[in-house]
Amino acid sequence: MYCTEGDIFENEYDIEDPSQWKAVSYQPEVQSTSRYNAVNQFNVSFIIPGHGAMFQLTEDHKTLLKNQSSLS
């Protein structure tokens, strides 16, 4: 089990509503790919976001992140 932390995630709800983090991102395309890579490369189970409580990452979250990344 791994965790990722920091400002690539604002809070749990920014996965379903990317406008929350894109509004404050300096490089949305890079950040989108970083979010996906952080989860995919390390098989992350939990995220400690920059501005919210820790949350468990679901398969639905992972699918949304993949669809949002520039890698998809």
C-alpha atoms as a PDB file:
ATOM      1  CA  MET A   1       0.000   0.000   0.000  1.00  0.00           C
ATOM      2  CA  TYR A   2       1.320   3.407  -0.985  1.00  0.00           C
ATOM      3  CA  CYS A   3       0.201   6.974  -0.466  1.00  0.00           C
ATOM      4  CA  THR A   4       0.829  10.053  -2.522  1.00  0.00           C
ATOM      5  CA  GLU A   5       0.656  13.506  -1.026  1.00  0.00           C
ATOM      6  CA  GLY A   6       0.909  17.103  -2.085  1.00  0.00           C
ATOM      7  CA  ASP A   7      -0.700  19.584  -4.368  1.00  0.00           C
ATOM      8  CA  ILE A   8      -1.231  17.422  -7.438  1.00  0.00           C
ATOM      9  CA  PHE A   9      -4.549  16.618  -5.757  1.00  0.00           C
ATOM     10  CA  GLU A  10      -6.597  19.394  -4.126  1.00  0.00           C
ATOM     11  CA  ASN A  11      -9.146  17.129  -2.412  1.00  0.00           C
ATOM     12  CA  GLU A  12     -11.091  13.902  -2.947  1.00  0.00           C
ATOM     13  CA  TYR A  13     -13.692  15.551  -5.146  1.00  0.00           C
ATOM     14  CA  ASP A  14     -11.310  17.033  -7.697  1.00  0.00           C
ATOM     15  CA  ILE A  15     -11.062  13.667  -9.437  1.00  0.00           C
ATOM     16  CA  GLU A  16     -14.736  13.807 -10.356  1.00  0.00           C
ATOM     17  CA  ASP A  17     -14.609  17.583 -10.955  1.00  0.00           C
ATOM     18  CA  PRO A  18     -11.231  18.466 -12.525  1.00  0.00           C
ATOM     19  CA  SER A  19     -12.200  22.134 -12.760  1.00  0.00           C
ATOM     20  CA  GLN A  20     -11.355  22.363  -9.024  1.00  0.00           C
ATOM     21  CA  TRP A  21      -7.652  21.823  -9.598  1.00  0.00           C
ATOM     22  CA  LYS A  22      -7.386  23.076 -13.188  1.00  0.00           C
ATOM     23  CA  ALA A  23      -8.487  26.540 -12.060  1.00  0.00           C
ATOM     24  CA  VAL A  24      -5.352  26.849  -9.904  1.00  0.00           C
ATOM     25  CA  SER A  25      -2.876  24.804 -11.952  1.00  0.00           C
ATOM     26  CA  TYR A  26       0.053  26.454 -13.707  1.00  0.00           C
ATOM     27  CA  GLN A  27       0.390  23.516 -16.121  1.00  0.00           C
ATOM     28  CA  PRO A  28      -2.875  21.546 -16.307  1.00  0.00           C
ATOM     29  CA  GLU A  29      -1.669  19.058 -18.947  1.00  0.00           C
ATOM     30  CA  VAL A  30       1.468  18.226 -16.980  1.00  0.00           C
ATOM     31  CA  GLN A  31      -0.463  18.025 -13.717  1.00  0.00           C
ATOM     32  CA  SER A  32      -3.062  15.733 -15.275  1.00  0.00           C
ATOM     33  CA  THR A  33      -0.363  13.297 -16.364  1.00  0.00           C
ATOM     34  CA  SER A  34       1.378  13.579 -12.973  1.00  0.00           C
ATOM     35  CA  ARG A  35      -1.859  12.721 -11.169  1.00  0.00           C
ATOM     36  CA  TYR A  36      -2.341   9.610 -13.288  1.00  0.00           C
ATOM     37  CA  ASN A  37       1.321   8.554 -13.021  1.00  0.00           C
ATOM     38  CA  ALA A  38       1.398   8.989  -9.238  1.00  0.00           C
ATOM     39  CA  VAL A  39      -1.506   6.587  -8.945  1.00  0.00           C
ATOM     40  CA  ASN A  40      -0.651   4.152 -11.734  1.00  0.00           C
ATOM     41  CA  GLN A  41       3.096   3.676 -11.310  1.00  0.00           C
ATOM     42  CA  PHE A  42       3.002   3.057  -7.576  1.00  0.00           C
ATOM     43  CA  ASN A  43      -0.344   1.266  -7.199  1.00  0.00           C
ATOM     44  CA  VAL A  44      -1.503   3.925  -4.739  1.00  0.00           C
ATOM     45  CA  SER A  45      -4.232   3.001  -2.243  1.00  0.00           C
ATOM     46  CA  PHE A  46      -4.601   6.326  -0.423  1.00  0.00           C
ATOM     47  CA  ILE A  47      -4.076   9.970  -1.309  1.00  0.00           C
ATOM     48  CA  ILE A  48      -3.244  12.765   1.090  1.00  0.00           C
ATOM     49  CA  PRO A  49      -4.260  15.819  -0.933  1.00  0.00           C
ATOM     50  CA  GLY A  50      -2.870  19.311  -0.542  1.00  0.00           C
ATOM     51  CA  HIS A  51      -6.121  20.802   0.762  1.00  0.00           C
ATOM     52  CA  GLY A  52      -8.309  18.072   2.178  1.00  0.00           C
ATOM     53  CA  ALA A  53      -8.504  14.890   4.193  1.00  0.00           C
ATOM     54  CA  MET A  54      -6.791  11.656   3.214  1.00  0.00           C
ATOM     55  CA  PHE A  55      -9.001   9.387   1.122  1.00  0.00           C
ATOM     56  CA  GLN A  56      -8.935   5.869  -0.268  1.00  0.00           C
ATOM     57  CA  LEU A  57      -8.474   5.601  -4.006  1.00  0.00           C
ATOM     58  CA  THR A  58     -11.101   3.461  -5.741  1.00  0.00           C
ATOM     59  CA  GLU A  59     -10.996   1.727  -9.098  1.00  0.00           C
ATOM     60  CA  ASP A  60     -13.476   4.331 -10.330  1.00  0.00           C
ATOM     61  CA  HIS A  61     -11.024   7.072  -9.318  1.00  0.00           C
ATOM     62  CA  LYS A  62      -8.244   5.308 -11.226  1.00  0.00           C
ATOM     63  CA  THR A  63     -10.407   5.028 -14.344  1.00  0.00           C
ATOM     64  CA  LEU A  64     -11.345   8.715 -14.178  1.00  0.00           C
ATOM     65  CA  LEU A  65      -7.698   9.706 -13.770  1.00  0.00           C
ATOM     66  CA  LYS A  66      -6.693   7.608 -16.763  1.00  0.00           C
ATOM     67  CA  ASN A  67      -9.417   9.172 -18.905  1.00  0.00           C
ATOM     68  CA  GLN A  68      -8.356  12.663 -17.812  1.00  0.00           C
ATOM     69  CA  SER A  69      -4.643  12.183 -18.442  1.00  0.00           C
ATOM     70  CA  SER A  70      -2.921  13.111 -21.663  1.00  0.00           C
ATOM     71  CA  LEU A  71      -1.700   9.501 -21.777  1.00  0.00           C
ATOM     72  CA  SER A  72      -5.134   8.083 -22.588  1.00  0.00           C
END
